[in-house]
Amino acid sequence: MRRPPPAVPTIALDGGDIDQPQEITNPMSVKIGVTAPGTIAGFTVTIDSPALTAEMLATVGLATELNLVNPGSSMAEALGALGFPSGEAVSGKTALTFDISKLVPMIAQIYNETSDHKFILKVTDAKGKSTTKTLTCHLTGKVALAYNNDADLWANTATVTAANVPDGGSVQYRVKGAADWTDAVLVEGSKYRLAPVYETSKNAAGLDVHTIKAGTGVFAATTYEVRIAKDGQAVDSKEFATAVGDKIPNGDMSGWSKRIWIDGSNNEFPITYPNPEGMKVWDSGNNAFLEQNNGEETLFTPLCRQDETEPGTARLQARMVLGFVFAPGNMFTGDFDYSGFSGTVNFGKPYAWTARPRALKVRYKAQIGKIDKVGSYDPDKDSYKDQPDRARIFVAVVNWKAQHGVTSGMTEPAGMWDPAVKTSLDEGAILGYGDLVITQTATGWVEATLPFNWYAKDAANPASAPFSLVISCATSVRGDYLTGCSTNTMQVDDFEWVY
């Protein structure tokens, strides 16, 4: 009669199937039952886990290869603390049960990526029979979202870390309360970038200009919502706010003072200056000529002054100087030099850019008439006579090593420039511009927004440039040529960046 083969050791999971992955939860039951009719002679546990690494286990006196029969005195205590029997509690036994219900949930406390953590159990009896089972504990990483506090407000970027984005899910952002979400771009690992999308077109001069698509990028003075979403529903979400951005000096036109202009005979004249005392940002052409008074009354009302009826606003007024020379009302960021019967507007001021704006916002009023004066040096003067005049406000972000001068007056004008026509001058690059041409009279205040068109969308922050900001306001577009309407006026106020 043939005898039945000797029984082999068994390894089973109490209340579950050890051959199926066990989801890690807290709490959970992980009790292992072992039988060995031939008595246990060997019992090893091999740990294959991205969380329970050799380095990590060494800190608690363990290793990835555990011998429960002969653990060594130093390891036996550590095994017992984690629920594993060892030594005499294992060797020679025909059955035993051990409980690692405290160990397995600890994995989720030190690791948060979706992963498998395997315990390979091998039991050998005194007759040489062995059984191996693998207990696989599966961790579904907790979805987590964090802002990395790294907004670059000139590049208009920021990053977030999104852990365990579910299959089919995405990371999205928007200005708080906006209707639409924009997908962030995975950079590497679990890092996602919130970045602007540039749209390219041709301006009127045929030059490539780039504008930032609405809803993309990260801008100053804004609160953003970020979420991990699946099927249109948020799994996790966060908010973050960016820095306040930059201000335009005396942008509210509340500060006015006098600067001293010295003529060729060293006579000093107090000239109206569109800055508070001590500031040198704005200036106006021809005030130096108009306000010479030799200690007596001013000869002419200046072309740029604080409005008498609405203090805290700038009034630009065209006029006929000495009855026959047309001078447009104007104001700009820069400095004005007057010599003889010509003046030079030196455009450009240093500006500490910390954030890229979307646009310039300004309020204006305007009185626009027909061109009644054409400059003798205007090459197109015949085509402008008696045509409707136009006023203009423009802004440019530049990277210049020197101010750019435009000279006009009783001599042939020189140095005229237009940021919508050229991408650079001898002084350096024009990075971007915004432009407003005013064609109609506006007796009430109009709030205008001048969106930026960028020539050099990837250029570095120009804050270190000697001259990086130009804002220009003029009652006549062709005023440099002394062509325009002599009765035009403009009021401007509340210059500020739009983010």
Protein backbone atom coordinates (compact mmCIF):
# COMPACT_ATOMS: atom_id res chain seq x y z
CA MET A 1 0.00 0.00 0.00
CA ARG A 2 1.43 3.43 -1.07
CA ARG A 3 1.75 5.95 1.71
CA PRO A 4 0.43 9.53 1.12
CA PRO A 5 3.16 12.13 0.60
CA PRO A 6 4.22 13.99 3.73
CA ALA A 7 2.17 17.14 4.39
CA VAL A 8 3.87 20.40 3.43
CA PRO A 9 3.82 23.65 5.43
CA THR A 10 0.93 26.03 4.80
CA ILE A 11 0.82 29.82 4.97
CA ALA A 12 -2.58 31.52 5.07
CA LEU A 13 -4.09 34.93 5.70
CA ASP A 14 -6.71 34.96 8.40
CA GLY A 15 -9.99 36.16 6.91
CA GLY A 16 -8.57 36.71 3.42
CA ASP A 17 -6.83 35.26 0.36
CA ILE A 18 -3.08 35.63 0.71
CA ASP A 19 -2.70 35.28 -3.06
CA GLN A 20 -4.68 38.48 -3.65
CA PRO A 21 -3.36 42.02 -3.04
CA GLN A 22 -4.50 43.51 0.26
CA GLU A 23 -5.38 47.21 0.24
CA ILE A 24 -3.57 49.14 2.94
CA THR A 25 -5.99 50.89 5.26
CA ASN A 26 -5.85 52.12 8.81
CA PRO A 27 -6.90 50.17 10.74
CA MET A 28 -6.60 46.78 9.03
CA SER A 29 -6.16 43.15 10.07
CA VAL A 30 -3.10 41.28 8.84
CA LYS A 31 -2.82 37.98 10.71
CA ILE A 32 -0.75 35.18 9.20
CA GLY A 33 -1.32 31.52 10.14
CA VAL A 34 1.46 28.96 9.56
CA THR A 35 1.26 25.15 9.92
CA ALA A 36 4.11 22.67 9.57
CA PRO A 37 3.27 19.06 10.53
CA GLY A 38 6.96 18.26 10.23
CA THR A 39 7.79 21.16 12.60
CA ILE A 40 9.30 24.48 11.50
CA ALA A 41 13.01 24.34 10.81
CA GLY A 42 13.32 27.54 8.82
CA PHE A 43 11.26 30.66 8.35
CA THR A 44 12.45 33.66 6.33
CA VAL A 45 10.74 36.89 5.32
CA THR A 46 12.02 38.92 2.36
CA ILE A 47 10.71 42.49 2.19
CA ASP A 48 10.36 44.06 -1.27
CA SER A 49 8.99 47.55 -0.67
CA PRO A 50 9.77 51.06 -1.97
CA ALA A 51 8.96 52.31 1.53
CA LEU A 52 10.61 49.66 3.72
CA THR A 53 14.03 49.96 2.12
CA ALA A 54 17.25 48.53 3.51
CA GLU A 55 18.27 52.00 4.68
CA MET A 56 14.97 52.63 6.39
CA LEU A 57 14.81 49.20 8.05
CA ALA A 58 18.37 49.55 9.31
CA THR A 59 17.29 52.54 11.38
CA VAL A 60 15.05 50.20 13.44
CA GLY A 61 17.52 47.32 13.57
CA LEU A 62 16.06 45.22 10.74
CA ALA A 63 16.97 44.26 7.18
CA THR A 64 15.17 43.29 4.00
CA GLU A 65 16.08 39.64 4.65
CA LEU A 66 14.72 38.40 8.00
CA ASN A 67 15.47 35.01 9.53
CA LEU A 68 12.77 34.34 12.10
CA VAL A 69 14.38 31.12 13.38
CA ASN A 70 17.85 32.59 13.93
CA PRO A 71 17.36 36.36 14.02
CA GLY A 72 20.21 37.27 16.31
CA SER A 73 19.71 38.90 19.67
CA SER A 74 19.71 42.48 18.39
CA MET A 75 17.09 41.82 15.71
CA ALA A 76 14.75 39.67 17.84
CA GLU A 77 13.54 42.62 19.89
CA ALA A 78 12.87 44.72 16.80
CA LEU A 79 10.94 41.85 15.19
CA GLY A 80 8.76 41.46 18.24
CA ALA A 81 7.95 45.16 18.29
CA LEU A 82 6.60 44.89 14.74
CA GLY A 83 4.57 41.71 15.36
CA PHE A 84 6.93 39.03 13.99
CA PRO A 85 7.68 35.98 16.20
CA SER A 86 11.26 34.74 16.28
CA GLY A 87 13.63 32.24 17.82
CA GLU A 88 12.03 29.67 20.13
CA ALA A 89 8.56 31.02 19.30
CA VAL A 90 9.10 29.71 15.77
CA SER A 91 11.62 26.90 15.74
CA GLY A 92 10.14 23.40 16.24
CA LYS A 93 6.56 24.63 16.17
CA THR A 94 3.91 22.83 14.17
CA ALA A 95 1.63 25.88 14.05
CA LEU A 96 1.79 29.53 14.87
CA THR A 97 -0.04 32.79 14.18
CA PHE A 98 1.51 36.24 14.08
CA ASP A 99 -0.07 39.64 13.71
CA ILE A 100 1.47 42.47 11.65
CA SER A 101 -1.66 44.61 11.67
CA LYS A 102 0.31 47.53 13.15
CA LEU A 103 3.25 47.28 10.76
CA VAL A 104 1.43 47.35 7.43
CA PRO A 105 -0.58 50.58 7.98
CA MET A 106 2.66 52.32 8.96
CA ILE A 107 3.68 52.12 5.31
CA ALA A 108 1.08 54.76 4.45
CA GLN A 109 2.57 57.07 7.07
CA ILE A 110 6.01 57.11 5.45
CA TYR A 111 5.07 56.71 1.79
CA ASN A 112 2.39 58.27 -0.40
CA GLU A 113 2.75 56.86 -3.88
CA THR A 114 0.53 54.21 -5.35
CA SER A 115 2.64 51.08 -4.96
CA ASP A 116 2.92 47.40 -3.95
CA HIS A 117 4.74 46.30 -0.82
CA LYS A 118 5.59 42.59 -0.76
CA PHE A 119 6.41 40.24 2.10
CA ILE A 120 7.80 36.98 0.68
CA LEU A 121 7.28 34.27 3.34
CA LYS A 122 9.15 30.96 3.10
CA VAL A 123 8.61 28.17 5.64
CA THR A 124 10.73 24.99 5.63
CA ASP A 125 10.01 21.99 7.87
CA ALA A 126 12.38 19.52 9.47
CA LYS A 127 11.81 17.07 6.58
CA GLY A 128 12.96 19.63 4.01
CA LYS A 129 9.54 20.45 2.68
CA SER A 130 8.99 24.17 2.04
CA THR A 131 6.24 26.54 1.03
CA THR A 132 6.59 30.12 -0.23
CA LYS A 133 3.82 32.70 -0.30
CA THR A 134 3.91 36.37 -1.17
CA LEU A 135 1.73 38.73 0.81
CA THR A 136 1.21 41.80 -1.39
CA CYS A 137 -0.04 44.93 0.35
CA HIS A 138 -1.23 47.56 -2.12
CA LEU A 139 -1.09 51.25 -1.26
CA THR A 140 -3.30 53.66 -3.16
CA GLY A 141 -1.46 56.91 -2.63
CA LYS A 142 -3.48 59.76 -1.21
CA VAL A 143 -4.14 62.51 -3.71
CA ALA A 144 -2.32 65.63 -2.53
CA LEU A 145 -1.76 69.06 -4.04
CA ALA A 146 0.71 71.73 -2.93
CA TYR A 147 1.80 75.10 -4.34
CA ASN A 148 5.58 75.32 -4.49
CA ASN A 149 5.69 79.05 -3.71
CA ASP A 150 7.85 79.72 -6.76
CA ALA A 151 5.85 82.13 -8.94
CA ASP A 152 8.01 83.97 -11.47
CA LEU A 153 5.86 87.01 -12.19
CA TRP A 154 7.93 88.16 -15.14
CA ALA A 155 7.90 84.75 -16.85
CA ASN A 156 4.32 84.33 -15.55
CA THR A 157 4.94 80.80 -14.34
CA ALA A 158 4.55 78.80 -11.15
CA THR A 159 4.61 75.13 -10.22
CA VAL A 160 2.55 72.84 -8.04
CA THR A 161 3.23 69.34 -6.81
CA ALA A 162 0.36 66.94 -7.43
CA ALA A 163 0.77 63.51 -5.89
CA ASN A 164 -1.16 60.50 -7.14
CA VAL A 165 -3.21 62.07 -9.86
CA PRO A 166 -5.77 59.37 -10.70
CA ASP A 167 -5.80 57.74 -14.13
CA GLY A 168 -7.70 60.00 -16.47
CA GLY A 169 -7.32 62.94 -14.08
CA SER A 170 -5.57 66.27 -14.64
CA VAL A 171 -4.16 69.25 -12.79
CA GLN A 172 -5.96 72.50 -13.59
CA TYR A 173 -5.86 76.15 -12.56
CA ARG A 174 -7.80 79.36 -12.97
CA VAL A 175 -8.13 82.85 -11.55
CA LYS A 176 -10.33 82.43 -8.49
CA GLY A 177 -13.96 82.49 -9.51
CA ALA A 178 -13.32 82.37 -13.28
CA ALA A 179 -15.58 80.22 -15.41
CA ASP A 180 -12.97 78.08 -17.16
CA TRP A 181 -10.09 75.91 -16.01
CA THR A 182 -6.73 75.59 -17.79
CA ASP A 183 -4.66 72.41 -17.75
CA ALA A 184 -1.25 72.64 -16.10
CA VAL A 185 1.65 70.88 -17.85
CA LEU A 186 3.48 67.95 -16.30
CA VAL A 187 7.16 68.84 -16.00
CA GLU A 188 8.63 65.83 -14.27
CA GLY A 189 7.63 63.40 -11.57
CA SER A 190 4.72 64.99 -9.76
CA LYS A 191 5.58 68.62 -10.62
CA TYR A 192 3.23 70.57 -12.87
CA ARG A 193 3.85 73.99 -14.43
CA LEU A 194 1.31 76.79 -14.75
CA ALA A 195 2.56 78.74 -17.75
CA PRO A 196 1.38 81.32 -20.27
CA VAL A 197 0.36 80.35 -23.78
CA TYR A 198 1.43 82.96 -26.33
CA GLU A 199 -0.58 83.65 -29.46
CA THR A 200 1.29 85.17 -32.40
CA SER A 201 -0.06 87.60 -34.97
CA LYS A 202 1.07 90.46 -37.21
CA ASN A 203 0.65 94.07 -36.17
CA ALA A 204 -0.18 96.89 -38.59
CA ALA A 205 3.51 97.23 -39.44
CA GLY A 206 3.74 93.55 -40.38
CA LEU A 207 5.83 92.63 -37.33
CA ASP A 208 5.30 89.47 -35.31
CA VAL A 209 3.77 90.26 -31.94
CA HIS A 210 2.89 87.88 -29.13
CA THR A 211 0.03 88.17 -26.69
CA ILE A 212 -0.79 85.93 -23.74
CA LYS A 213 -3.90 83.82 -24.20
CA ALA A 214 -6.60 84.66 -21.70
CA GLY A 215 -6.75 82.28 -18.77
CA THR A 216 -3.14 81.13 -19.06
CA GLY A 217 -0.10 82.06 -16.99
CA VAL A 218 0.32 83.41 -13.49
CA PHE A 219 0.21 87.16 -12.86
CA ALA A 220 0.77 89.52 -9.96
CA ALA A 221 -1.96 90.65 -7.55
CA THR A 222 -4.11 87.62 -8.28
CA THR A 223 -5.54 84.68 -6.34
CA TYR A 224 -5.49 81.35 -8.15
CA GLU A 225 -7.37 78.11 -7.64
CA VAL A 226 -5.60 74.84 -8.48
CA ARG A 227 -7.24 71.44 -8.45
CA ILE A 228 -6.71 67.79 -9.24
CA ALA A 229 -9.79 66.87 -11.21
CA LYS A 230 -11.34 63.75 -12.70
CA ASP A 231 -14.52 63.71 -14.76
CA GLY A 232 -14.91 67.43 -14.06
CA GLN A 233 -14.91 66.99 -10.30
CA ALA A 234 -12.23 68.18 -7.87
CA VAL A 235 -10.39 65.44 -6.01
CA ASP A 236 -8.20 67.95 -4.16
CA SER A 237 -7.81 71.72 -4.44
CA LYS A 238 -5.67 74.58 -3.19
CA GLU A 239 -5.51 78.37 -3.49
CA PHE A 240 -2.53 80.69 -3.61
CA ALA A 241 -2.10 84.44 -4.04
CA THR A 242 0.72 86.19 -5.88
CA ALA A 243 2.64 89.34 -4.90
CA VAL A 244 1.01 92.71 -5.51
CA GLY A 245 3.20 93.65 -8.48
CA ASP A 246 4.48 97.10 -9.43
CA LYS A 247 3.12 100.63 -9.27
CA ILE A 248 3.66 103.48 -11.69
CA PRO A 249 5.26 106.42 -9.87
CA ASN A 250 2.80 109.30 -9.56
CA GLY A 251 0.41 107.26 -11.67
CA ASP A 252 -2.52 108.98 -9.98
CA MET A 253 -1.14 112.39 -11.02
CA SER A 254 -1.57 113.70 -7.50
CA GLY A 255 2.00 114.94 -7.12
CA TRP A 256 3.11 118.22 -8.72
CA SER A 257 6.09 120.43 -8.06
CA LYS A 258 8.50 122.86 -9.69
CA ARG A 259 11.87 122.09 -11.14
CA ILE A 260 14.47 124.76 -11.74
CA TRP A 261 15.46 125.29 -15.34
CA ILE A 262 18.58 127.35 -16.08
CA ASP A 263 18.82 129.12 -19.43
CA GLY A 264 21.91 129.95 -21.42
CA SER A 265 22.42 133.10 -19.34
CA ASN A 266 22.24 131.17 -16.05
CA ASN A 267 18.82 132.59 -15.27
CA GLU A 268 16.73 130.25 -13.12
CA PHE A 269 13.07 129.57 -13.85
CA PRO A 270 10.63 127.41 -11.83
CA ILE A 271 9.01 125.08 -14.36
CA THR A 272 5.84 123.06 -13.81
CA TYR A 273 6.85 119.46 -13.16
CA PRO A 274 4.43 116.49 -13.13
CA ASN A 275 6.12 114.82 -10.16
CA PRO A 276 6.00 115.25 -6.39
CA GLU A 277 9.02 116.91 -4.83
CA GLY A 278 12.11 114.73 -5.16
CA MET A 279 10.75 112.44 -7.91
CA LYS A 280 12.11 112.54 -11.46
CA VAL A 281 9.97 110.24 -13.59
CA TRP A 282 7.62 112.33 -15.74
CA ASP A 283 8.36 115.43 -17.79
CA SER A 284 6.82 117.55 -20.54
CA GLY A 285 8.24 119.22 -23.59
CA ASN A 286 8.32 122.99 -23.96
CA ASN A 287 7.22 123.93 -20.47
CA ALA A 288 10.75 125.24 -20.07
CA PHE A 289 10.20 127.66 -22.94
CA LEU A 290 6.66 128.64 -22.11
CA GLU A 291 7.20 129.43 -18.44
CA GLN A 292 10.20 131.74 -18.70
CA ASN A 293 9.05 134.93 -17.06
CA ASN A 294 12.10 136.91 -15.95
CA GLY A 295 10.60 137.22 -12.50
CA GLU A 296 7.29 138.42 -13.88
CA GLU A 297 4.08 136.63 -14.84
CA THR A 298 4.31 133.41 -16.87
CA LEU A 299 4.23 134.17 -20.56
CA PHE A 300 2.15 131.15 -21.51
CA THR A 301 0.14 128.50 -19.77
CA PRO A 302 2.33 125.35 -19.81
CA LEU A 303 1.55 122.49 -22.18
CA CYS A 304 1.34 120.12 -19.23
CA ARG A 305 -0.09 121.17 -15.89
CA GLN A 306 -2.38 120.07 -13.09
CA ASP A 307 -5.95 120.66 -14.20
CA GLU A 308 -7.43 123.65 -12.43
CA THR A 309 -10.95 122.26 -12.11
CA GLU A 310 -9.98 118.64 -11.39
CA PRO A 311 -6.84 118.71 -9.25
CA GLY A 312 -4.90 115.48 -9.24
CA THR A 313 -5.21 115.04 -13.00
CA ALA A 314 -2.82 116.09 -15.75
CA ARG A 315 -4.04 118.48 -18.43
CA LEU A 316 -2.18 118.49 -21.75
CA GLN A 317 -2.96 121.40 -24.02
CA ALA A 318 -1.79 122.19 -27.53
CA ARG A 319 -1.19 125.84 -28.42
CA MET A 320 0.43 128.24 -30.83
CA VAL A 321 3.63 129.54 -29.27
CA LEU A 322 4.43 133.17 -30.09
CA GLY A 323 1.39 133.02 -32.34
CA PHE A 324 2.95 130.97 -35.12
CA VAL A 325 4.74 127.83 -33.79
CA PHE A 326 2.51 124.83 -33.13
CA ALA A 327 3.30 122.87 -29.94
CA PRO A 328 1.32 119.76 -28.96
CA GLY A 329 0.40 119.05 -25.35
CA ASN A 330 2.52 116.19 -24.09
CA MET A 331 3.76 114.27 -21.08
CA PHE A 332 6.16 111.32 -20.93
CA THR A 333 8.48 109.31 -18.73
CA GLY A 334 11.89 110.82 -19.37
CA ASP A 335 13.59 114.20 -19.35
CA PHE A 336 13.24 117.32 -21.49
CA ASP A 337 16.12 119.53 -22.60
CA TYR A 338 15.50 122.91 -24.18
CA SER A 339 18.11 124.84 -26.12
CA GLY A 340 17.57 127.80 -28.42
CA PHE A 341 14.34 127.25 -30.29
CA SER A 342 14.39 123.43 -30.21
CA GLY A 343 13.75 120.92 -27.49
CA THR A 344 14.75 117.31 -27.04
CA VAL A 345 12.50 114.75 -25.40
CA ASN A 346 14.72 112.06 -23.88
CA PHE A 347 12.47 109.02 -23.54
CA GLY A 348 13.01 106.34 -20.94
CA LYS A 349 13.32 105.95 -17.19
CA PRO A 350 14.77 103.24 -14.96
CA TYR A 351 12.06 101.01 -13.58
CA ALA A 352 12.31 98.09 -11.16
CA TRP A 353 10.16 95.53 -12.96
CA THR A 354 9.12 92.62 -10.76
CA ALA A 355 6.10 91.45 -12.76
CA ARG A 356 5.02 91.37 -16.39
CA PRO A 357 1.73 93.24 -16.88
CA ARG A 358 -1.00 92.25 -19.29
CA ALA A 359 -1.81 95.86 -20.09
CA LEU A 360 -1.66 99.51 -19.04
CA LYS A 361 -4.86 101.08 -17.78
CA VAL A 362 -5.44 104.84 -17.86
CA ARG A 363 -8.33 107.31 -17.69
CA TYR A 364 -8.55 110.13 -20.20
CA LYS A 365 -10.63 112.96 -21.58
CA ALA A 366 -9.89 114.46 -24.98
CA GLN A 367 -10.85 117.30 -27.27
CA ILE A 368 -9.97 116.33 -30.87
CA GLY A 369 -10.25 118.74 -33.79
CA LYS A 370 -9.05 119.03 -37.37
CA ILE A 371 -5.39 119.53 -38.18
CA ASP A 372 -4.92 123.26 -38.67
CA LYS A 373 -1.12 123.38 -38.55
CA VAL A 374 1.38 121.32 -40.52
CA GLY A 375 5.09 121.43 -39.85
CA SER A 376 7.33 122.64 -42.64
CA TYR A 377 9.54 119.58 -42.18
CA ASP A 378 6.68 117.07 -42.18
CA PRO A 379 7.27 114.86 -45.24
CA ASP A 380 3.56 114.08 -45.50
CA LYS A 381 2.18 117.48 -44.59
CA ASP A 382 -0.02 117.83 -47.66
CA SER A 383 -1.96 114.69 -46.79
CA TYR A 384 -2.71 115.87 -43.23
CA LYS A 385 -3.94 119.42 -43.74
CA ASP A 386 -7.58 119.77 -42.60
CA GLN A 387 -7.81 116.06 -41.77
CA PRO A 388 -9.12 114.88 -38.37
CA ASP A 389 -6.32 114.89 -35.82
CA ARG A 390 -5.57 112.00 -33.45
CA ALA A 391 -4.16 111.95 -29.95
CA ARG A 392 -2.07 109.07 -28.66
CA ILE A 393 -1.01 107.26 -25.50
CA PHE A 394 1.54 104.46 -25.69
CA VAL A 395 3.63 102.41 -23.32
CA ALA A 396 6.80 100.45 -24.05
CA VAL A 397 8.96 98.09 -22.06
CA VAL A 398 12.50 98.64 -23.30
CA ASN A 399 15.99 97.45 -22.57
CA TRP A 400 18.05 100.54 -23.37
CA LYS A 401 21.57 101.51 -22.44
CA ALA A 402 20.69 105.19 -22.90
CA GLN A 403 17.65 107.41 -23.27
CA HIS A 404 16.37 107.91 -26.79
CA GLY A 405 16.17 111.55 -27.86
CA VAL A 406 13.62 113.16 -30.19
CA THR A 407 14.39 116.75 -31.17
CA SER A 408 11.91 119.14 -32.76
CA GLY A 409 11.17 122.84 -32.94
CA MET A 410 12.44 125.49 -35.34
CA THR A 411 14.93 123.04 -36.87
CA GLU A 412 14.39 119.79 -38.76
CA PRO A 413 13.10 117.16 -36.33
CA ALA A 414 15.17 114.07 -35.63
CA GLY A 415 14.96 110.80 -33.71
CA MET A 416 11.26 110.06 -34.22
CA TRP A 417 10.35 106.54 -33.23
CA ASP A 418 7.28 104.38 -32.88
CA PRO A 419 7.23 101.22 -30.73
CA ALA A 420 4.54 99.76 -32.99
CA VAL A 421 6.84 100.02 -36.01
CA LYS A 422 10.31 99.04 -34.74
CA THR A 423 11.55 96.27 -32.45
CA SER A 424 14.73 98.09 -31.50
CA LEU A 425 16.64 101.39 -31.66
CA ASP A 426 20.33 102.16 -31.39
CA GLU A 427 19.87 102.34 -27.61
CA GLY A 428 18.59 98.76 -27.38
CA ALA A 429 15.59 96.48 -27.72
CA ILE A 430 11.90 97.29 -27.48
CA LEU A 431 10.52 94.24 -25.69
CA GLY A 432 6.84 95.08 -25.98
CA TYR A 433 4.32 97.89 -26.27
CA GLY A 434 0.72 98.93 -25.78
CA ASP A 435 -0.93 101.58 -27.93
CA LEU A 436 -4.04 103.77 -27.89
CA VAL A 437 -4.91 106.20 -30.69
CA ILE A 438 -7.74 108.56 -29.75
CA THR A 439 -9.80 109.67 -32.73
CA GLN A 440 -12.87 111.22 -31.10
CA THR A 441 -13.63 113.84 -28.52
CA ALA A 442 -14.48 112.44 -25.08
CA THR A 443 -15.90 115.04 -22.72
CA GLY A 444 -16.37 112.51 -19.91
CA TRP A 445 -13.77 110.25 -18.42
CA VAL A 446 -12.99 107.13 -20.46
CA GLU A 447 -11.17 104.19 -18.90
CA ALA A 448 -8.88 102.67 -21.50
CA THR A 449 -6.84 99.47 -21.41
CA LEU A 450 -3.76 99.15 -23.60
CA PRO A 451 -2.93 95.42 -23.97
CA PHE A 452 0.74 94.58 -24.34
CA ASN A 453 2.07 93.20 -27.60
CA TRP A 454 5.40 91.50 -27.02
CA TYR A 455 8.19 91.33 -29.55
CA ALA A 456 10.52 89.45 -27.20
CA LYS A 457 8.26 87.22 -25.14
CA ASP A 458 11.18 85.20 -23.74
CA ALA A 459 13.40 88.16 -22.86
CA ALA A 460 14.65 88.33 -19.29
CA ASN A 461 13.24 90.78 -16.80
CA PRO A 462 14.68 94.21 -17.83
CA ALA A 463 14.70 95.58 -14.28
CA SER A 464 18.48 95.91 -14.35
CA ALA A 465 18.45 97.92 -17.58
CA PRO A 466 19.47 101.58 -17.20
CA PHE A 467 16.25 102.58 -18.98
CA SER A 468 13.31 100.20 -19.14
CA LEU A 469 10.02 102.14 -19.15
CA VAL A 470 8.46 104.57 -21.60
CA ILE A 471 4.95 106.03 -21.30
CA SER A 472 4.03 108.80 -23.72
CA CYS A 473 0.92 110.99 -24.03
CA ALA A 474 0.45 113.54 -26.81
CA THR A 475 -2.48 115.57 -28.05
CA SER A 476 -1.36 115.06 -31.68
CA VAL A 477 0.10 111.89 -33.17
CA ARG A 478 2.43 113.88 -35.47
CA GLY A 479 3.34 116.50 -32.93
CA ASP A 480 7.07 115.78 -33.37
CA TYR A 481 6.69 117.23 -36.87
CA LEU A 482 4.71 120.21 -35.46
CA THR A 483 1.63 118.91 -37.25
CA GLY A 484 -1.71 118.83 -35.46
CA CYS A 485 -4.73 120.68 -34.16
CA SER A 486 -3.85 123.73 -32.10
CA THR A 487 -6.95 123.41 -29.92
CA ASN A 488 -6.58 119.76 -28.91
CA THR A 489 -6.54 118.96 -25.21
CA MET A 490 -6.20 115.81 -23.17
CA GLN A 491 -6.58 114.97 -19.51
CA VAL A 492 -4.99 111.82 -18.13
CA ASP A 493 -5.10 110.16 -14.74
CA ASP A 494 -4.77 106.85 -12.88
CA PHE A 495 -2.03 105.06 -14.77
CA GLU A 496 -1.76 101.50 -13.47
CA TRP A 497 -0.72 98.03 -14.61
CA VAL A 498 -3.28 95.39 -15.39
CA TYR A 499 -2.28 91.90 -14.22
